[in-house]
Amino acid sequence: MKVGDLVRLKKEMWRKPRHRSKKDPGAIGIVYGIAGKGVKVLMHDSTIRVGLIDHWDVIQESKGNKR
């Protein structure tokens, strides 16, 4: 997982009460930042969710800048 990847919260995580969102339980976001085992994800509603890398599945990897 790296900055720019498209990710989705794992299903076993959103079933837990503290991660549950009534609006969109399987919301998709873009990795905004990584620090150690932590990750910041920019969600579709312009909010940033903070969590552990283990709680997210990569849907599509970013290509990055090739020079």
C-alpha atoms as a PDB file:
ATOM      1  CA  MET A   1       0.000   0.000   0.000  1.00  0.00           C
ATOM      2  CA  LYS A   2       1.275   3.468  -0.924  1.00  0.00           C
ATOM      3  CA  VAL A   3      -0.019   7.025  -1.250  1.00  0.00           C
ATOM      4  CA  GLY A   4      -2.492   7.313  -4.128  1.00  0.00           C
ATOM      5  CA  ASP A   5      -3.813   3.728  -3.948  1.00  0.00           C
ATOM      6  CA  LEU A   6      -7.558   3.165  -4.111  1.00  0.00           C
ATOM      7  CA  VAL A   7      -8.675   1.291  -0.961  1.00  0.00           C
ATOM      8  CA  ARG A   8     -11.815  -0.081   0.700  1.00  0.00           C
ATOM      9  CA  LEU A   9     -12.438  -0.840   4.386  1.00  0.00           C
ATOM     10  CA  LYS A  10     -12.418  -4.607   4.937  1.00  0.00           C
ATOM     11  CA  LYS A  11     -15.875  -6.054   5.583  1.00  0.00           C
ATOM     12  CA  GLU A  12     -14.899  -7.590   8.922  1.00  0.00           C
ATOM     13  CA  MET A  13     -13.867  -4.098  10.101  1.00  0.00           C
ATOM     14  CA  TRP A  14     -17.083  -2.224   9.293  1.00  0.00           C
ATOM     15  CA  ARG A  15     -19.127  -4.817  11.131  1.00  0.00           C
ATOM     16  CA  LYS A  16     -17.479  -3.682  14.376  1.00  0.00           C
ATOM     17  CA  PRO A  17     -19.412  -0.864  16.094  1.00  0.00           C
ATOM     18  CA  ARG A  18     -16.550   1.654  16.249  1.00  0.00           C
ATOM     19  CA  HIS A  19     -15.884   1.455  12.492  1.00  0.00           C
ATOM     20  CA  ARG A  20     -19.511   1.267  11.414  1.00  0.00           C
ATOM     21  CA  SER A  21     -20.896   4.025   9.239  1.00  0.00           C
ATOM     22  CA  LYS A  22     -24.631   4.189   8.549  1.00  0.00           C
ATOM     23  CA  LYS A  23     -24.063   6.148   5.337  1.00  0.00           C
ATOM     24  CA  ASP A  24     -21.664   3.903   3.442  1.00  0.00           C
ATOM     25  CA  PRO A  25     -20.261   0.779   5.147  1.00  0.00           C
ATOM     26  CA  GLY A  26     -18.002  -0.267   2.269  1.00  0.00           C
ATOM     27  CA  ALA A  27     -16.813   3.210   1.346  1.00  0.00           C
ATOM     28  CA  ILE A  28     -13.911   3.623  -1.026  1.00  0.00           C
ATOM     29  CA  GLY A  29     -11.128   6.148  -0.570  1.00  0.00           C
ATOM     30  CA  ILE A  30      -7.652   7.166  -1.675  1.00  0.00           C
ATOM     31  CA  VAL A  31      -4.600   6.740   0.547  1.00  0.00           C
ATOM     32  CA  TYR A  32      -3.619  10.235   1.681  1.00  0.00           C
ATOM     33  CA  GLY A  33      -0.690   9.397   3.956  1.00  0.00           C
ATOM     34  CA  ILE A  34       1.121   6.525   5.664  1.00  0.00           C
ATOM     35  CA  ALA A  35       3.095   6.538   8.923  1.00  0.00           C
ATOM     36  CA  GLY A  36       4.341   3.194  10.253  1.00  0.00           C
ATOM     37  CA  LYS A  37       1.285   0.909  10.451  1.00  0.00           C
ATOM     38  CA  GLY A  38      -1.141   3.836  10.315  1.00  0.00           C
ATOM     39  CA  VAL A  39      -2.897   5.213   7.266  1.00  0.00           C
ATOM     40  CA  LYS A  40      -4.960   8.289   6.399  1.00  0.00           C
ATOM     41  CA  VAL A  41      -7.631   7.742   3.751  1.00  0.00           C
ATOM     42  CA  LEU A  42      -9.394  10.544   1.871  1.00  0.00           C
ATOM     43  CA  MET A  43     -13.029   9.475   1.574  1.00  0.00           C
ATOM     44  CA  HIS A  44     -15.591  10.403  -1.116  1.00  0.00           C
ATOM     45  CA  ASP A  45     -17.234  12.985   1.176  1.00  0.00           C
ATOM     46  CA  SER A  46     -13.910  14.873   1.651  1.00  0.00           C
ATOM     47  CA  THR A  47     -13.334  13.524   5.169  1.00  0.00           C
ATOM     48  CA  ILE A  48     -10.106  11.861   6.232  1.00  0.00           C
ATOM     49  CA  ARG A  49     -10.332   8.554   8.105  1.00  0.00           C
ATOM     50  CA  VAL A  50      -7.398   7.370  10.204  1.00  0.00           C
ATOM     51  CA  GLY A  51      -6.816   3.675  10.833  1.00  0.00           C
ATOM     52  CA  LEU A  52      -4.436   0.756  10.510  1.00  0.00           C
ATOM     53  CA  ILE A  53      -3.131  -0.535   7.186  1.00  0.00           C
ATOM     54  CA  ASP A  54      -4.395  -4.029   8.134  1.00  0.00           C
ATOM     55  CA  HIS A  55      -8.001  -2.734   8.112  1.00  0.00           C
ATOM     56  CA  TRP A  56      -7.955  -1.710   4.428  1.00  0.00           C
ATOM     57  CA  ASP A  57      -7.913  -3.675   1.141  1.00  0.00           C
ATOM     58  CA  VAL A  58      -6.159  -2.245  -1.913  1.00  0.00           C
ATOM     59  CA  ILE A  59      -8.541  -2.144  -4.871  1.00  0.00           C
ATOM     60  CA  GLN A  60      -6.194  -0.523  -7.368  1.00  0.00           C
ATOM     61  CA  GLU A  61      -2.576   0.529  -7.037  1.00  0.00           C
ATOM     62  CA  SER A  62      -1.493   3.949  -8.231  1.00  0.00           C
ATOM     63  CA  LYS A  63       0.897   4.030 -11.165  1.00  0.00           C
ATOM     64  CA  GLY A  64       2.983   6.905  -9.756  1.00  0.00           C
ATOM     65  CA  ASN A  65       5.262   9.190 -11.694  1.00  0.00           C
ATOM     66  CA  LYS A  66       7.612   7.433 -14.081  1.00  0.00           C
ATOM     67  CA  ARG A  67      10.568   9.492 -15.313  1.00  0.00           C
END
